[in-house]
Amino acid sequence: MKKLPVILLIIQLLAVTASAQNIPQSILRQKTEERLRELLTKSPAVTGLVAVDLTTGERIAINENILFPQASAIKVPILMEVHKQAHQKKFALTDVRKIKPADVVGGTGIIKDLAEDTHFTIGNLGTLMIALSDNTATNSLIELVSMENINATLKSLGLQHTKVQRRMINAAASARGEENISTPAEAASMLELLYKGEFINKKVSGDIVATLRKTTRETSRLADGIPVNVSIAFKPGILNGVSTEWAIVELQERPYAIAMMESYKVERQAERVMEEASSILYQYYWRLGNASRYGTYVDPKLMK
């Protein structure tokens, strides 16, 4: 039998040793994925999920490339385009836009409850669009930056499936299939870009994340599985039969992003899938951030 060179034997030994050292974390990840798959399989809805470890880039993905209607979660890429064009000096976030009564639409938000003509800075319209999910503010910003430009920016980022195809509160367009769409994979990629400061630059990305932190926590389903002392920057969306949420969970020891989406939901069945998935993921990332690679809980500061 031909003997292996000593260097190859050393490499193999190191590989085996490294693999053995990582076994506990590998098993933890496997158990986490199994729990998530079981949860999503039991639901009658079509469900997709991508979670990204923002420390390592490692992903947990289930049905990550399925197209889902986004409801109000699509307001994240709209906000990104607003900040991009402001950075390009096409306008300033302090510029004022007029909202006439004819521009007002229903659904979520506060502008519909205000009397007569109203005036808002572009920056404040962005805050209203995210924090209160204001549909009138959203439509004003879509008109400002254009759907064509939003979609061109998404395409330039390599996001081929995320599209803004209609304004808010347009049931006829939705029925024609002109839906605002994305996938868990692409939504998670956007969140990762923003967290890392890689959309335009760190300041622009940071400003967008800061706006996402203003969303009312009570509107988040994912927040149900996350302790109240952990900050989240997120945007949820709801349509008939559809629930979506994009979130950056700012867990100090192990920040992570989640994009989770449901469609074809059945009323009063599996209504807490997002909440339970969020709890499973929080437990997973908390343990990674607070334990050694062997599973001993230690002060995270000592692991650096």
C-alpha atoms as a PDB file:
ATOM      1  CA  MET A   1       0.000   0.000   0.000  1.00  0.00           C
ATOM      2  CA  LYS A   2       1.326   3.421  -0.939  1.00  0.00           C
ATOM      3  CA  LYS A   3       2.082   5.613   2.060  1.00  0.00           C
ATOM      4  CA  LEU A   4       0.683   9.139   2.200  1.00  0.00           C
ATOM      5  CA  PRO A   5       3.209  11.966   2.472  1.00  0.00           C
ATOM      6  CA  VAL A   6       3.649  13.248   6.017  1.00  0.00           C
ATOM      7  CA  ILE A   7       2.236  16.676   5.108  1.00  0.00           C
ATOM      8  CA  LEU A   8      -1.037  15.089   3.888  1.00  0.00           C
ATOM      9  CA  LEU A   9      -1.329  13.083   7.081  1.00  0.00           C
ATOM     10  CA  ILE A  10      -0.900  16.256   9.112  1.00  0.00           C
ATOM     11  CA  ILE A  11      -3.545  18.083   7.055  1.00  0.00           C
ATOM     12  CA  GLN A  12      -5.993  15.207   7.503  1.00  0.00           C
ATOM     13  CA  LEU A  13      -5.339  15.103  11.230  1.00  0.00           C
ATOM     14  CA  LEU A  14      -5.940  18.841  11.540  1.00  0.00           C
ATOM     15  CA  ALA A  15      -9.163  18.566   9.534  1.00  0.00           C
ATOM     16  CA  VAL A  16     -10.453  15.771  11.731  1.00  0.00           C
ATOM     17  CA  THR A  17      -9.499  17.708  14.864  1.00  0.00           C
ATOM     18  CA  ALA A  18     -11.252  20.876  13.627  1.00  0.00           C
ATOM     19  CA  SER A  19     -14.336  18.880  12.689  1.00  0.00           C
ATOM     20  CA  ALA A  20     -14.440  17.231  16.109  1.00  0.00           C
ATOM     21  CA  GLN A  21     -14.109  20.611  17.800  1.00  0.00           C
ATOM     22  CA  ASN A  22     -17.110  21.951  15.878  1.00  0.00           C
ATOM     23  CA  ILE A  23     -19.396  18.969  16.460  1.00  0.00           C
ATOM     24  CA  PRO A  24     -21.360  20.501  19.383  1.00  0.00           C
ATOM     25  CA  GLN A  25     -22.212  23.655  17.398  1.00  0.00           C
ATOM     26  CA  SER A  26     -23.038  21.598  14.316  1.00  0.00           C
ATOM     27  CA  ILE A  27     -25.466  19.471  16.309  1.00  0.00           C
ATOM     28  CA  LEU A  28     -27.034  22.609  17.834  1.00  0.00           C
ATOM     29  CA  ARG A  29     -27.569  24.057  14.361  1.00  0.00           C
ATOM     30  CA  GLN A  30     -29.005  20.749  13.112  1.00  0.00           C
ATOM     31  CA  LYS A  31     -31.443  20.563  16.029  1.00  0.00           C
ATOM     32  CA  THR A  32     -32.483  24.193  15.450  1.00  0.00           C
ATOM     33  CA  GLU A  33     -33.141  23.571  11.761  1.00  0.00           C
ATOM     34  CA  GLU A  34     -35.113  20.413  12.569  1.00  0.00           C
ATOM     35  CA  ARG A  35     -37.321  22.312  15.004  1.00  0.00           C
ATOM     36  CA  LEU A  36     -37.934  25.056  12.456  1.00  0.00           C
ATOM     37  CA  ARG A  37     -38.730  22.633   9.632  1.00  0.00           C
ATOM     38  CA  GLU A  38     -41.140  20.706  11.830  1.00  0.00           C
ATOM     39  CA  LEU A  39     -42.880  23.951  12.821  1.00  0.00           C
ATOM     40  CA  LEU A  40     -43.203  25.181   9.230  1.00  0.00           C
ATOM     41  CA  THR A  41     -44.246  21.760   7.900  1.00  0.00           C
ATOM     42  CA  LYS A  42     -47.125  21.521  10.349  1.00  0.00           C
ATOM     43  CA  SER A  43     -48.534  24.847   9.214  1.00  0.00           C
ATOM     44  CA  PRO A  44     -51.069  24.726   6.365  1.00  0.00           C
ATOM     45  CA  ALA A  45     -49.616  27.990   5.035  1.00  0.00           C
ATOM     46  CA  VAL A  46     -46.768  28.305   2.550  1.00  0.00           C
ATOM     47  CA  THR A  47     -43.923  29.587   4.702  1.00  0.00           C
ATOM     48  CA  GLY A  48     -40.372  30.722   3.992  1.00  0.00           C
ATOM     49  CA  LEU A  49     -37.598  31.801   6.294  1.00  0.00           C
ATOM     50  CA  VAL A  50     -34.011  32.993   6.138  1.00  0.00           C
ATOM     51  CA  ALA A  51     -31.989  33.834   9.242  1.00  0.00           C
ATOM     52  CA  VAL A  52     -28.492  35.294   8.908  1.00  0.00           C
ATOM     53  CA  ASP A  53     -25.828  35.261  11.596  1.00  0.00           C
ATOM     54  CA  LEU A  54     -24.529  38.819  11.191  1.00  0.00           C
ATOM     55  CA  THR A  55     -21.262  37.859  12.885  1.00  0.00           C
ATOM     56  CA  THR A  56     -20.305  34.978  10.576  1.00  0.00           C
ATOM     57  CA  GLY A  57     -22.691  35.267   7.610  1.00  0.00           C
ATOM     58  CA  GLU A  58     -23.965  31.725   8.220  1.00  0.00           C
ATOM     59  CA  ARG A  59     -27.545  31.223   7.043  1.00  0.00           C
ATOM     60  CA  ILE A  60     -30.470  29.059   8.035  1.00  0.00           C
ATOM     61  CA  ALA A  61     -32.850  28.852   5.090  1.00  0.00           C
ATOM     62  CA  ILE A  62     -36.189  27.162   4.448  1.00  0.00           C
ATOM     63  CA  ASN A  63     -38.087  27.828   1.201  1.00  0.00           C
ATOM     64  CA  GLU A  64     -35.786  30.803   0.776  1.00  0.00           C
ATOM     65  CA  ASN A  65     -36.440  31.428  -2.927  1.00  0.00           C
ATOM     66  CA  ILE A  66     -40.232  31.297  -2.955  1.00  0.00           C
ATOM     67  CA  LEU A  67     -41.935  34.516  -4.085  1.00  0.00           C
ATOM     68  CA  PHE A  68     -44.243  36.070  -1.498  1.00  0.00           C
ATOM     69  CA  PRO A  69     -46.432  39.188  -1.552  1.00  0.00           C
ATOM     70  CA  GLN A  70     -44.783  41.630   0.832  1.00  0.00           C
ATOM     71  CA  ALA A  71     -47.578  43.915   2.028  1.00  0.00           C
ATOM     72  CA  SER A  72     -45.973  46.746   4.026  1.00  0.00           C
ATOM     73  CA  ALA A  73     -42.563  45.054   4.312  1.00  0.00           C
ATOM     74  CA  ILE A  74     -41.906  46.319   0.760  1.00  0.00           C
ATOM     75  CA  LYS A  75     -41.588  49.766   2.321  1.00  0.00           C
ATOM     76  CA  VAL A  76     -37.984  48.893   3.267  1.00  0.00           C
ATOM     77  CA  PRO A  77     -36.635  49.014  -0.331  1.00  0.00           C
ATOM     78  CA  ILE A  78     -38.780  52.115  -0.961  1.00  0.00           C
ATOM     79  CA  LEU A  79     -37.029  53.825   1.965  1.00  0.00           C
ATOM     80  CA  MET A  80     -33.674  52.651   0.606  1.00  0.00           C
ATOM     81  CA  GLU A  81     -34.384  54.344  -2.738  1.00  0.00           C
ATOM     82  CA  VAL A  82     -35.453  57.569  -0.995  1.00  0.00           C
ATOM     83  CA  HIS A  83     -32.151  57.702   0.894  1.00  0.00           C
ATOM     84  CA  LYS A  84     -30.190  56.776  -2.232  1.00  0.00           C
ATOM     85  CA  GLN A  85     -31.674  59.659  -4.227  1.00  0.00           C
ATOM     86  CA  ALA A  86     -31.201  62.054  -1.314  1.00  0.00           C
ATOM     87  CA  HIS A  87     -27.532  60.995  -1.228  1.00  0.00           C
ATOM     88  CA  GLN A  88     -27.361  61.703  -4.979  1.00  0.00           C
ATOM     89  CA  LYS A  89     -28.649  65.246  -4.232  1.00  0.00           C
ATOM     90  CA  LYS A  90     -31.809  64.783  -6.299  1.00  0.00           C
ATOM     91  CA  PHE A  91     -33.611  66.298  -3.321  1.00  0.00           C
ATOM     92  CA  ALA A  92     -32.995  66.854   0.376  1.00  0.00           C
ATOM     93  CA  LEU A  93     -34.728  64.943   3.132  1.00  0.00           C
ATOM     94  CA  THR A  94     -35.685  68.356   4.518  1.00  0.00           C
ATOM     95  CA  ASP A  95     -37.573  69.285   1.333  1.00  0.00           C
ATOM     96  CA  VAL A  96     -41.338  69.578   1.830  1.00  0.00           C
ATOM     97  CA  ARG A  97     -44.027  67.686  -0.067  1.00  0.00           C
ATOM     98  CA  LYS A  98     -47.710  68.586  -0.104  1.00  0.00           C
ATOM     99  CA  ILE A  99     -50.352  65.921   0.482  1.00  0.00           C
ATOM    100  CA  LYS A 100     -53.714  66.864  -1.006  1.00  0.00           C
ATOM    101  CA  PRO A 101     -57.015  65.205  -0.003  1.00  0.00           C
ATOM    102  CA  ALA A 102     -57.074  63.423  -3.373  1.00  0.00           C
ATOM    103  CA  ASP A 103     -53.746  61.762  -2.505  1.00  0.00           C
ATOM    104  CA  VAL A 104     -55.020  60.188   0.700  1.00  0.00           C
ATOM    105  CA  VAL A 105     -55.632  56.438   0.848  1.00  0.00           C
ATOM    106  CA  GLY A 106     -56.954  54.204   3.608  1.00  0.00           C
ATOM    107  CA  GLY A 107     -55.404  51.419   5.593  1.00  0.00           C
ATOM    108  CA  THR A 108     -52.671  52.035   8.125  1.00  0.00           C
ATOM    109  CA  GLY A 109     -51.222  55.413   8.972  1.00  0.00           C
ATOM    110  CA  ILE A 110     -52.151  58.800  10.403  1.00  0.00           C
ATOM    111  CA  ILE A 111     -52.304  61.144   7.394  1.00  0.00           C
ATOM    112  CA  LYS A 112     -55.765  59.877   6.462  1.00  0.00           C
ATOM    113  CA  ASP A 113     -57.035  61.248   9.779  1.00  0.00           C
ATOM    114  CA  LEU A 114     -55.663  64.756   9.261  1.00  0.00           C
ATOM    115  CA  ALA A 115     -57.837  67.546   7.904  1.00  0.00           C
ATOM    116  CA  GLU A 116     -57.277  69.418   4.625  1.00  0.00           C
ATOM    117  CA  ASP A 117     -53.936  69.767   2.854  1.00  0.00           C
ATOM    118  CA  THR A 118     -50.885  68.689   4.839  1.00  0.00           C
ATOM    119  CA  HIS A 119     -47.177  69.275   4.368  1.00  0.00           C
ATOM    120  CA  PHE A 120     -44.349  66.983   5.428  1.00  0.00           C
ATOM    121  CA  THR A 121     -40.630  66.861   4.857  1.00  0.00           C
ATOM    122  CA  ILE A 122     -39.468  63.898   2.788  1.00  0.00           C
ATOM    123  CA  GLY A 123     -37.607  62.596   5.818  1.00  0.00           C
ATOM    124  CA  ASN A 124     -40.749  62.711   7.935  1.00  0.00           C
ATOM    125  CA  LEU A 125     -42.740  60.948   5.223  1.00  0.00           C
ATOM    126  CA  GLY A 126     -40.132  58.168   5.393  1.00  0.00           C
ATOM    127  CA  THR A 127     -40.547  57.942   9.151  1.00  0.00           C
ATOM    128  CA  LEU A 128     -44.338  57.834   8.839  1.00  0.00           C
ATOM    129  CA  MET A 129     -44.058  55.145   6.138  1.00  0.00           C
ATOM    130  CA  ILE A 130     -42.001  52.900   8.418  1.00  0.00           C
ATOM    131  CA  ALA A 131     -42.960  53.747  12.010  1.00  0.00           C
ATOM    132  CA  LEU A 132     -46.729  53.971  11.414  1.00  0.00           C
ATOM    133  CA  SER A 133     -46.794  52.121   8.080  1.00  0.00           C
ATOM    134  CA  ASP A 134     -48.581  55.128   6.585  1.00  0.00           C
ATOM    135  CA  ASN A 135     -49.874  54.202   3.135  1.00  0.00           C
ATOM    136  CA  THR A 136     -50.444  57.786   2.002  1.00  0.00           C
ATOM    137  CA  ALA A 137     -46.864  58.680   2.908  1.00  0.00           C
ATOM    138  CA  THR A 138     -45.676  55.583   1.033  1.00  0.00           C
ATOM    139  CA  ASN A 139     -47.546  56.507  -2.150  1.00  0.00           C
ATOM    140  CA  SER A 140     -46.143  60.032  -2.003  1.00  0.00           C
ATOM    141  CA  LEU A 141     -42.606  58.640  -1.789  1.00  0.00           C
ATOM    142  CA  ILE A 142     -43.221  56.133  -4.610  1.00  0.00           C
ATOM    143  CA  GLU A 143     -44.351  59.060  -6.764  1.00  0.00           C
ATOM    144  CA  LEU A 144     -41.229  61.002  -5.749  1.00  0.00           C
ATOM    145  CA  VAL A 145     -38.618  58.336  -6.544  1.00  0.00           C
ATOM    146  CA  SER A 146     -40.610  56.191  -9.066  1.00  0.00           C
ATOM    147  CA  MET A 147     -41.178  52.454  -9.153  1.00  0.00           C
ATOM    148  CA  GLU A 148     -38.793  52.175 -12.098  1.00  0.00           C
ATOM    149  CA  ASN A 149     -35.926  53.611 -10.054  1.00  0.00           C
ATOM    150  CA  ILE A 150     -36.713  51.449  -7.015  1.00  0.00           C
ATOM    151  CA  ASN A 151     -36.667  48.322  -9.153  1.00  0.00           C
ATOM    152  CA  ALA A 152     -33.522  49.393 -11.018  1.00  0.00           C
ATOM    153  CA  THR A 153     -31.695  49.829  -7.710  1.00  0.00           C
ATOM    154  CA  LEU A 154     -32.860  46.417  -6.523  1.00  0.00           C
ATOM    155  CA  LYS A 155     -31.624  44.854  -9.747  1.00  0.00           C
ATOM    156  CA  SER A 156     -28.259  46.604  -9.403  1.00  0.00           C
ATOM    157  CA  LEU A 157     -27.912  44.960  -5.983  1.00  0.00           C
ATOM    158  CA  GLY A 158     -28.412  41.548  -7.577  1.00  0.00           C
ATOM    159  CA  LEU A 159     -31.965  41.260  -6.253  1.00  0.00           C
ATOM    160  CA  GLN A 160     -33.781  39.879  -9.280  1.00  0.00           C
ATOM    161  CA  HIS A 161     -37.051  38.891  -7.618  1.00  0.00           C
ATOM    162  CA  THR A 162     -37.883  41.851  -5.368  1.00  0.00           C
ATOM    163  CA  LYS A 163     -40.188  44.242  -7.209  1.00  0.00           C
ATOM    164  CA  VAL A 164     -42.448  47.182  -6.438  1.00  0.00           C
ATOM    165  CA  GLN A 165     -45.310  46.878  -8.925  1.00  0.00           C
ATOM    166  CA  ARG A 166     -48.124  48.914  -7.428  1.00  0.00           C
ATOM    167  CA  ARG A 167     -48.938  51.627  -4.931  1.00  0.00           C
ATOM    168  CA  MET A 168     -50.458  50.931  -1.548  1.00  0.00           C
ATOM    169  CA  ILE A 169     -54.188  50.159  -1.279  1.00  0.00           C
ATOM    170  CA  ASN A 170     -54.815  49.184  -4.884  1.00  0.00           C
ATOM    171  CA  ALA A 171     -56.934  46.042  -4.737  1.00  0.00           C
ATOM    172  CA  ALA A 172     -57.576  46.006  -8.489  1.00  0.00           C
ATOM    173  CA  ALA A 173     -53.840  45.966  -9.268  1.00  0.00           C
ATOM    174  CA  SER A 174     -53.298  43.259  -6.658  1.00  0.00           C
ATOM    175  CA  ALA A 175     -56.042  41.148  -8.240  1.00  0.00           C
ATOM    176  CA  ARG A 176     -54.310  41.505 -11.619  1.00  0.00           C
ATOM    177  CA  GLY A 177     -51.164  40.056 -10.080  1.00  0.00           C
ATOM    178  CA  GLU A 178     -49.377  43.405  -9.885  1.00  0.00           C
ATOM    179  CA  GLU A 179     -48.137  42.575  -6.414  1.00  0.00           C
ATOM    180  CA  ASN A 180     -45.151  43.898  -4.483  1.00  0.00           C
ATOM    181  CA  ILE A 181     -42.999  40.805  -4.101  1.00  0.00           C
ATOM    182  CA  SER A 182     -39.769  39.429  -2.681  1.00  0.00           C
ATOM    183  CA  THR A 183     -38.232  36.243  -1.328  1.00  0.00           C
ATOM    184  CA  PRO A 184     -36.883  35.467   2.149  1.00  0.00           C
ATOM    185  CA  ALA A 185     -33.385  35.197   0.653  1.00  0.00           C
ATOM    186  CA  GLU A 186     -33.462  38.626  -0.986  1.00  0.00           C
ATOM    187  CA  ALA A 187     -35.073  40.339   1.995  1.00  0.00           C
ATOM    188  CA  ALA A 188     -32.388  38.886   4.271  1.00  0.00           C
ATOM    189  CA  SER A 189     -29.700  40.093   1.861  1.00  0.00           C
ATOM    190  CA  MET A 190     -31.036  43.639   2.087  1.00  0.00           C
ATOM    191  CA  LEU A 191     -31.040  43.508   5.882  1.00  0.00           C
ATOM    192  CA  GLU A 192     -27.469  42.209   5.864  1.00  0.00           C
ATOM    193  CA  LEU A 193     -26.369  45.029   3.531  1.00  0.00           C
ATOM    194  CA  LEU A 194     -27.947  47.618   5.802  1.00  0.00           C
ATOM    195  CA  TYR A 195     -26.489  46.138   8.980  1.00  0.00           C
ATOM    196  CA  LYS A 196     -22.981  46.043   7.513  1.00  0.00           C
ATOM    197  CA  GLY A 197     -23.275  49.597   6.197  1.00  0.00           C
ATOM    198  CA  GLU A 198     -22.830  48.438   2.615  1.00  0.00           C
ATOM    199  CA  PHE A 199     -25.868  50.132   1.043  1.00  0.00           C
ATOM    200  CA  ILE A 200     -24.410  53.386  -0.357  1.00  0.00           C
ATOM    201  CA  ASN A 201     -22.265  53.928   2.762  1.00  0.00           C
ATOM    202  CA  LYS A 202     -22.304  53.439   6.522  1.00  0.00           C
ATOM    203  CA  LYS A 203     -24.177  56.672   7.230  1.00  0.00           C
ATOM    204  CA  VAL A 204     -26.959  56.047   4.732  1.00  0.00           C
ATOM    205  CA  SER A 205     -27.330  52.438   5.859  1.00  0.00           C
ATOM    206  CA  GLY A 206     -27.267  53.515   9.500  1.00  0.00           C
ATOM    207  CA  ASP A 207     -29.961  56.146   8.935  1.00  0.00           C
ATOM    208  CA  ILE A 208     -32.234  53.544   7.351  1.00  0.00           C
ATOM    209  CA  VAL A 209     -31.706  51.079  10.213  1.00  0.00           C
ATOM    210  CA  ALA A 210     -32.386  53.891  12.704  1.00  0.00           C
ATOM    211  CA  THR A 211     -35.735  54.510  10.995  1.00  0.00           C
ATOM    212  CA  LEU A 212     -36.572  50.799  11.147  1.00  0.00           C
ATOM    213  CA  ARG A 213     -36.005  50.929  14.917  1.00  0.00           C
ATOM    214  CA  LYS A 214     -38.898  53.401  15.176  1.00  0.00           C
ATOM    215  CA  THR A 215     -41.494  50.836  14.127  1.00  0.00           C
ATOM    216  CA  THR A 216     -43.977  50.194  16.912  1.00  0.00           C
ATOM    217  CA  ARG A 217     -42.853  46.980  18.598  1.00  0.00           C
ATOM    218  CA  GLU A 218     -46.452  45.922  19.247  1.00  0.00           C
ATOM    219  CA  THR A 219     -46.886  45.439  15.478  1.00  0.00           C
ATOM    220  CA  SER A 220     -44.107  42.829  15.355  1.00  0.00           C
ATOM    221  CA  ARG A 221     -44.854  39.127  15.477  1.00  0.00           C
ATOM    222  CA  LEU A 222     -41.159  38.240  15.647  1.00  0.00           C
ATOM    223  CA  ALA A 223     -40.759  40.440  18.745  1.00  0.00           C
ATOM    224  CA  ASP A 224     -42.917  37.980  20.655  1.00  0.00           C
ATOM    225  CA  GLY A 225     -39.958  35.576  20.727  1.00  0.00           C
ATOM    226  CA  ILE A 226     -37.357  38.217  21.627  1.00  0.00           C
ATOM    227  CA  PRO A 227     -36.814  39.734  25.102  1.00  0.00           C
ATOM    228  CA  VAL A 228     -37.947  43.358  25.396  1.00  0.00           C
ATOM    229  CA  ASN A 229     -34.432  44.496  26.307  1.00  0.00           C
ATOM    230  CA  VAL A 230     -33.118  43.393  22.895  1.00  0.00           C
ATOM    231  CA  SER A 231     -33.495  46.083  20.242  1.00  0.00           C
ATOM    232  CA  ILE A 232     -35.005  45.165  16.870  1.00  0.00           C
ATOM    233  CA  ALA A 233     -35.102  47.165  13.643  1.00  0.00           C
ATOM    234  CA  PHE A 234     -37.956  45.758  11.601  1.00  0.00           C
ATOM    235  CA  LYS A 235     -40.877  46.154   9.208  1.00  0.00           C
ATOM    236  CA  PRO A 236     -43.884  43.834   9.172  1.00  0.00           C
ATOM    237  CA  GLY A 237     -46.611  43.457   6.578  1.00  0.00           C
ATOM    238  CA  ILE A 238     -50.088  41.958   6.516  1.00  0.00           C
ATOM    239  CA  LEU A 239     -52.521  41.215   3.680  1.00  0.00           C
ATOM    240  CA  ASN A 240     -55.432  38.817   3.472  1.00  0.00           C
ATOM    241  CA  GLY A 241     -53.793  35.398   3.790  1.00  0.00           C
ATOM    242  CA  VAL A 242     -50.305  36.898   3.973  1.00  0.00           C
ATOM    243  CA  SER A 243     -47.950  37.829   6.807  1.00  0.00           C
ATOM    244  CA  THR A 244     -44.368  39.042   6.364  1.00  0.00           C
ATOM    245  CA  GLU A 245     -41.654  40.527   8.532  1.00  0.00           C
ATOM    246  CA  TRP A 246     -38.089  41.674   7.973  1.00  0.00           C
ATOM    247  CA  ALA A 247     -36.030  42.242  11.128  1.00  0.00           C
ATOM    248  CA  ILE A 248     -32.527  42.932  12.371  1.00  0.00           C
ATOM    249  CA  VAL A 249     -32.268  41.583  15.921  1.00  0.00           C
ATOM    250  CA  GLU A 250     -29.564  43.569  17.687  1.00  0.00           C
ATOM    251  CA  LEU A 251     -28.578  40.877  20.152  1.00  0.00           C
ATOM    252  CA  GLN A 252     -25.329  42.259  21.540  1.00  0.00           C
ATOM    253  CA  GLU A 253     -23.478  38.948  21.670  1.00  0.00           C
ATOM    254  CA  ARG A 254     -24.714  37.613  18.320  1.00  0.00           C
ATOM    255  CA  PRO A 255     -26.792  39.960  16.112  1.00  0.00           C
ATOM    256  CA  TYR A 256     -28.854  38.305  13.422  1.00  0.00           C
ATOM    257  CA  ALA A 257     -31.391  39.091  10.712  1.00  0.00           C
ATOM    258  CA  ILE A 258     -34.658  37.329   9.949  1.00  0.00           C
ATOM    259  CA  ALA A 259     -36.890  37.478   6.905  1.00  0.00           C
ATOM    260  CA  MET A 260     -40.009  35.378   7.369  1.00  0.00           C
ATOM    261  CA  MET A 261     -43.038  35.144   5.100  1.00  0.00           C
ATOM    262  CA  GLU A 262     -46.365  33.292   5.000  1.00  0.00           C
ATOM    263  CA  SER A 263     -49.007  33.042   2.275  1.00  0.00           C
ATOM    264  CA  TYR A 264     -52.153  30.979   1.713  1.00  0.00           C
ATOM    265  CA  LYS A 265     -52.763  31.167   5.453  1.00  0.00           C
ATOM    266  CA  VAL A 266     -55.759  29.361   6.940  1.00  0.00           C
ATOM    267  CA  GLU A 267     -57.758  31.345   9.459  1.00  0.00           C
ATOM    268  CA  ARG A 268     -57.365  30.192  13.078  1.00  0.00           C
ATOM    269  CA  GLN A 269     -54.774  27.558  12.137  1.00  0.00           C
ATOM    270  CA  ALA A 270     -51.067  27.731  13.031  1.00  0.00           C
ATOM    271  CA  GLU A 271     -51.423  31.393  13.955  1.00  0.00           C
ATOM    272  CA  ARG A 272     -48.201  31.582  15.998  1.00  0.00           C
ATOM    273  CA  VAL A 273     -45.692  30.147  13.545  1.00  0.00           C
ATOM    274  CA  MET A 274     -43.697  33.378  13.273  1.00  0.00           C
ATOM    275  CA  GLU A 275     -43.673  33.864  17.022  1.00  0.00           C
ATOM    276  CA  GLU A 276     -42.486  30.325  17.699  1.00  0.00           C
ATOM    277  CA  ALA A 277     -39.865  30.432  14.937  1.00  0.00           C
ATOM    278  CA  SER A 278     -38.544  33.683  16.362  1.00  0.00           C
ATOM    279  CA  SER A 279     -38.234  32.136  19.813  1.00  0.00           C
ATOM    280  CA  ILE A 280     -36.334  29.127  18.401  1.00  0.00           C
ATOM    281  CA  LEU A 281     -33.938  31.401  16.527  1.00  0.00           C
ATOM    282  CA  TYR A 282     -33.384  33.699  19.485  1.00  0.00           C
ATOM    283  CA  GLN A 283     -32.498  30.722  21.674  1.00  0.00           C
ATOM    284  CA  TYR A 284     -30.072  29.510  19.013  1.00  0.00           C
ATOM    285  CA  TYR A 285     -28.222  32.793  18.525  1.00  0.00           C
ATOM    286  CA  TRP A 286     -28.222  33.616  22.239  1.00  0.00           C
ATOM    287  CA  ARG A 287     -26.522  30.277  22.953  1.00  0.00           C
ATOM    288  CA  LEU A 288     -23.959  30.822  20.195  1.00  0.00           C
ATOM    289  CA  GLY A 289     -23.183  34.246  21.600  1.00  0.00           C
ATOM    290  CA  ASN A 290     -23.003  33.220  25.238  1.00  0.00           C
ATOM    291  CA  ALA A 291     -21.267  29.851  25.134  1.00  0.00           C
ATOM    292  CA  SER A 292     -17.882  28.461  24.210  1.00  0.00           C
ATOM    293  CA  ARG A 293     -17.711  26.186  21.173  1.00  0.00           C
ATOM    294  CA  TYR A 294     -18.198  23.252  23.545  1.00  0.00           C
ATOM    295  CA  GLY A 295     -21.431  24.631  25.018  1.00  0.00           C
ATOM    296  CA  THR A 296     -20.248  26.101  28.324  1.00  0.00           C
ATOM    297  CA  TYR A 297     -21.943  29.414  29.121  1.00  0.00           C
ATOM    298  CA  VAL A 298     -19.315  32.078  29.767  1.00  0.00           C
ATOM    299  CA  ASP A 299     -18.974  35.847  29.792  1.00  0.00           C
ATOM    300  CA  PRO A 300     -19.035  36.805  26.070  1.00  0.00           C
ATOM    301  CA  LYS A 301     -16.314  39.407  26.730  1.00  0.00           C
ATOM    302  CA  LEU A 302     -13.924  36.617  27.601  1.00  0.00           C
ATOM    303  CA  MET A 303     -14.450  34.930  24.215  1.00  0.00           C
ATOM    304  CA  LYS A 304     -13.053  37.856  22.239  1.00  0.00           C
END
